[in-house]
Amino acid sequence: MRHEKVACRTPSKGRDGVTNIPKWKYDLVRNYILEMITDAGPQGIPFANMRGELEKRLTVEEAKLLGSAGWHITVVKLNMEVEGEIKRSSEKGPQKILLA
């Protein structure tokens, strides 16, 4: 049985590769990212805090099945930027993630 995959891209110039991840993992992390940004409010959430926040929110079973939370949060976040769902704050300093 084949599992549906999501082709994740990056907004970085010169990086045209695609990373395919299972759709259920993409959807799980995407939903948590949207929840984290909403909970953070209009100022957004620092990208540096997102892995820790994801790890707090995952159930024990989700964490076990997902694998590396840091890797997945990065891949899904970058694709969400490409898709126009989220954006990086334009202010100077550490990267903050906002709803687009």
C-alpha atoms as a PDB file:
ATOM      1  CA  MET A   1       0.000   0.000   0.000  1.00  0.00           C
ATOM      2  CA  ARG A   2       1.397   3.378  -1.031  1.00  0.00           C
ATOM      3  CA  HIS A   3       1.019   6.328   1.279  1.00  0.00           C
ATOM      4  CA  GLU A   4       0.278   9.750  -0.164  1.00  0.00           C
ATOM      5  CA  LYS A   5       3.214  12.162   0.023  1.00  0.00           C
ATOM      6  CA  VAL A   6       3.564  15.935  -0.036  1.00  0.00           C
ATOM      7  CA  ALA A   7       6.335  17.478  -2.144  1.00  0.00           C
ATOM      8  CA  CYS A   8       7.857  20.157   0.078  1.00  0.00           C
ATOM      9  CA  ARG A   9       9.815  23.030  -1.438  1.00  0.00           C
ATOM     10  CA  THR A  10      11.921  25.838  -0.034  1.00  0.00           C
ATOM     11  CA  PRO A  11      11.720  29.588  -0.731  1.00  0.00           C
ATOM     12  CA  SER A  12      15.539  29.826  -0.733  1.00  0.00           C
ATOM     13  CA  LYS A  13      16.984  30.932  -4.062  1.00  0.00           C
ATOM     14  CA  GLY A  14      19.163  28.334  -5.755  1.00  0.00           C
ATOM     15  CA  ARG A  15      17.555  25.426  -3.911  1.00  0.00           C
ATOM     16  CA  ASP A  16      15.200  23.767  -6.345  1.00  0.00           C
ATOM     17  CA  GLY A  17      15.028  20.349  -4.696  1.00  0.00           C
ATOM     18  CA  VAL A  18      11.899  18.756  -3.349  1.00  0.00           C
ATOM     19  CA  THR A  19      11.587  16.763  -0.140  1.00  0.00           C
ATOM     20  CA  ASN A  20       8.735  14.268  -0.088  1.00  0.00           C
ATOM     21  CA  ILE A  21       7.192  13.465   3.270  1.00  0.00           C
ATOM     22  CA  PRO A  22       4.093  11.434   4.160  1.00  0.00           C
ATOM     23  CA  LYS A  23       0.937  13.544   3.955  1.00  0.00           C
ATOM     24  CA  TRP A  24      -0.180  12.592   7.463  1.00  0.00           C
ATOM     25  CA  LYS A  25       3.117  13.914   8.882  1.00  0.00           C
ATOM     26  CA  TYR A  26       2.840  17.108   6.823  1.00  0.00           C
ATOM     27  CA  ASP A  27      -0.754  17.680   7.937  1.00  0.00           C
ATOM     28  CA  LEU A  28       0.075  16.975  11.593  1.00  0.00           C
ATOM     29  CA  VAL A  29       2.995  19.422  11.706  1.00  0.00           C
ATOM     30  CA  ARG A  30       1.181  22.029   9.573  1.00  0.00           C
ATOM     31  CA  ASN A  31      -1.786  22.049  11.941  1.00  0.00           C
ATOM     32  CA  TYR A  32       0.484  22.455  14.962  1.00  0.00           C
ATOM     33  CA  ILE A  33       2.389  25.292  13.227  1.00  0.00           C
ATOM     34  CA  LEU A  34      -0.876  27.141  12.536  1.00  0.00           C
ATOM     35  CA  GLU A  35      -1.954  26.570  16.149  1.00  0.00           C
ATOM     36  CA  MET A  36       1.386  27.862  17.501  1.00  0.00           C
ATOM     37  CA  ILE A  37       1.266  31.009  15.368  1.00  0.00           C
ATOM     38  CA  THR A  38      -2.339  31.696  16.357  1.00  0.00           C
ATOM     39  CA  ASP A  39      -1.524  31.179  20.031  1.00  0.00           C
ATOM     40  CA  ALA A  40       1.489  33.529  19.753  1.00  0.00           C
ATOM     41  CA  GLY A  41      -0.681  36.390  18.529  1.00  0.00           C
ATOM     42  CA  PRO A  42       0.070  39.152  16.008  1.00  0.00           C
ATOM     43  CA  GLN A  43       3.765  39.387  16.905  1.00  0.00           C
ATOM     44  CA  GLY A  44       4.303  35.821  15.656  1.00  0.00           C
ATOM     45  CA  ILE A  45       6.398  33.028  17.104  1.00  0.00           C
ATOM     46  CA  PRO A  46      10.203  32.957  17.023  1.00  0.00           C
ATOM     47  CA  PHE A  47      11.338  30.175  14.722  1.00  0.00           C
ATOM     48  CA  ALA A  48      13.890  29.145  17.370  1.00  0.00           C
ATOM     49  CA  ASN A  49      11.003  28.275  19.735  1.00  0.00           C
ATOM     50  CA  MET A  50       8.971  26.235  17.270  1.00  0.00           C
ATOM     51  CA  ARG A  51      10.669  22.854  17.733  1.00  0.00           C
ATOM     52  CA  GLY A  52      10.266  22.996  21.499  1.00  0.00           C
ATOM     53  CA  GLU A  53       6.650  24.092  21.163  1.00  0.00           C
ATOM     54  CA  LEU A  54       5.948  21.257  18.727  1.00  0.00           C
ATOM     55  CA  GLU A  55       7.524  18.716  21.078  1.00  0.00           C
ATOM     56  CA  LYS A  56       5.304  19.984  23.942  1.00  0.00           C
ATOM     57  CA  ARG A  57       2.150  19.665  21.859  1.00  0.00           C
ATOM     58  CA  LEU A  58       2.748  16.248  20.312  1.00  0.00           C
ATOM     59  CA  THR A  59       1.208  13.264  22.033  1.00  0.00           C
ATOM     60  CA  VAL A  60       3.603  10.462  22.978  1.00  0.00           C
ATOM     61  CA  GLU A  61       2.315   8.392  20.046  1.00  0.00           C
ATOM     62  CA  GLU A  62       2.597  11.296  17.561  1.00  0.00           C
ATOM     63  CA  ALA A  63       6.178  11.991  18.678  1.00  0.00           C
ATOM     64  CA  LYS A  64       7.114   8.339  18.291  1.00  0.00           C
ATOM     65  CA  LEU A  65       5.627   8.075  14.787  1.00  0.00           C
ATOM     66  CA  LEU A  66       6.848  11.489  13.585  1.00  0.00           C
ATOM     67  CA  GLY A  67      10.547  11.108  14.287  1.00  0.00           C
ATOM     68  CA  SER A  68      12.700  14.245  14.242  1.00  0.00           C
ATOM     69  CA  ALA A  69      10.504  17.178  15.283  1.00  0.00           C
ATOM     70  CA  GLY A  70      13.185  19.713  14.343  1.00  0.00           C
ATOM     71  CA  TRP A  71      13.612  18.375  10.827  1.00  0.00           C
ATOM     72  CA  HIS A  72       9.861  18.152  10.174  1.00  0.00           C
ATOM     73  CA  ILE A  73       9.092  21.626  11.543  1.00  0.00           C
ATOM     74  CA  THR A  74      11.731  23.110   9.230  1.00  0.00           C
ATOM     75  CA  VAL A  75      10.608  21.260   6.090  1.00  0.00           C
ATOM     76  CA  VAL A  76       6.911  21.960   6.633  1.00  0.00           C
ATOM     77  CA  LYS A  77       7.512  25.619   7.612  1.00  0.00           C
ATOM     78  CA  LEU A  78       9.528  26.252   4.450  1.00  0.00           C
ATOM     79  CA  ASN A  79       6.840  24.701   2.251  1.00  0.00           C
ATOM     80  CA  MET A  80       4.142  26.736   4.003  1.00  0.00           C
ATOM     81  CA  GLU A  81       6.159  29.849   3.130  1.00  0.00           C
ATOM     82  CA  VAL A  82       6.285  28.764  -0.525  1.00  0.00           C
ATOM     83  CA  GLU A  83       2.517  28.134  -0.441  1.00  0.00           C
ATOM     84  CA  GLY A  84       1.906  31.619   1.010  1.00  0.00           C
ATOM     85  CA  GLU A  85       0.251  30.376   4.219  1.00  0.00           C
ATOM     86  CA  ILE A  86       2.861  31.879   6.534  1.00  0.00           C
ATOM     87  CA  LYS A  87       5.627  34.448   6.279  1.00  0.00           C
ATOM     88  CA  ARG A  88       8.706  35.650   8.098  1.00  0.00           C
ATOM     89  CA  SER A  89       8.502  38.893  10.025  1.00  0.00           C
ATOM     90  CA  SER A  90      10.300  41.750   8.282  1.00  0.00           C
ATOM     91  CA  GLU A  91      11.671  43.156  11.540  1.00  0.00           C
ATOM     92  CA  LYS A  92      15.346  42.788  12.384  1.00  0.00           C
ATOM     93  CA  GLY A  93      16.482  40.189  14.859  1.00  0.00           C
ATOM     94  CA  PRO A  94      15.652  36.523  15.250  1.00  0.00           C
ATOM     95  CA  GLN A  95      13.289  35.096  12.646  1.00  0.00           C
ATOM     96  CA  LYS A  96       9.620  35.251  13.657  1.00  0.00           C
ATOM     97  CA  ILE A  97       6.868  33.396  11.838  1.00  0.00           C
ATOM     98  CA  LEU A  98       3.460  34.982  11.171  1.00  0.00           C
ATOM     99  CA  LEU A  99       0.296  34.064   9.306  1.00  0.00           C
ATOM    100  CA  ALA A 100       0.449  35.465   5.777  1.00  0.00           C
END
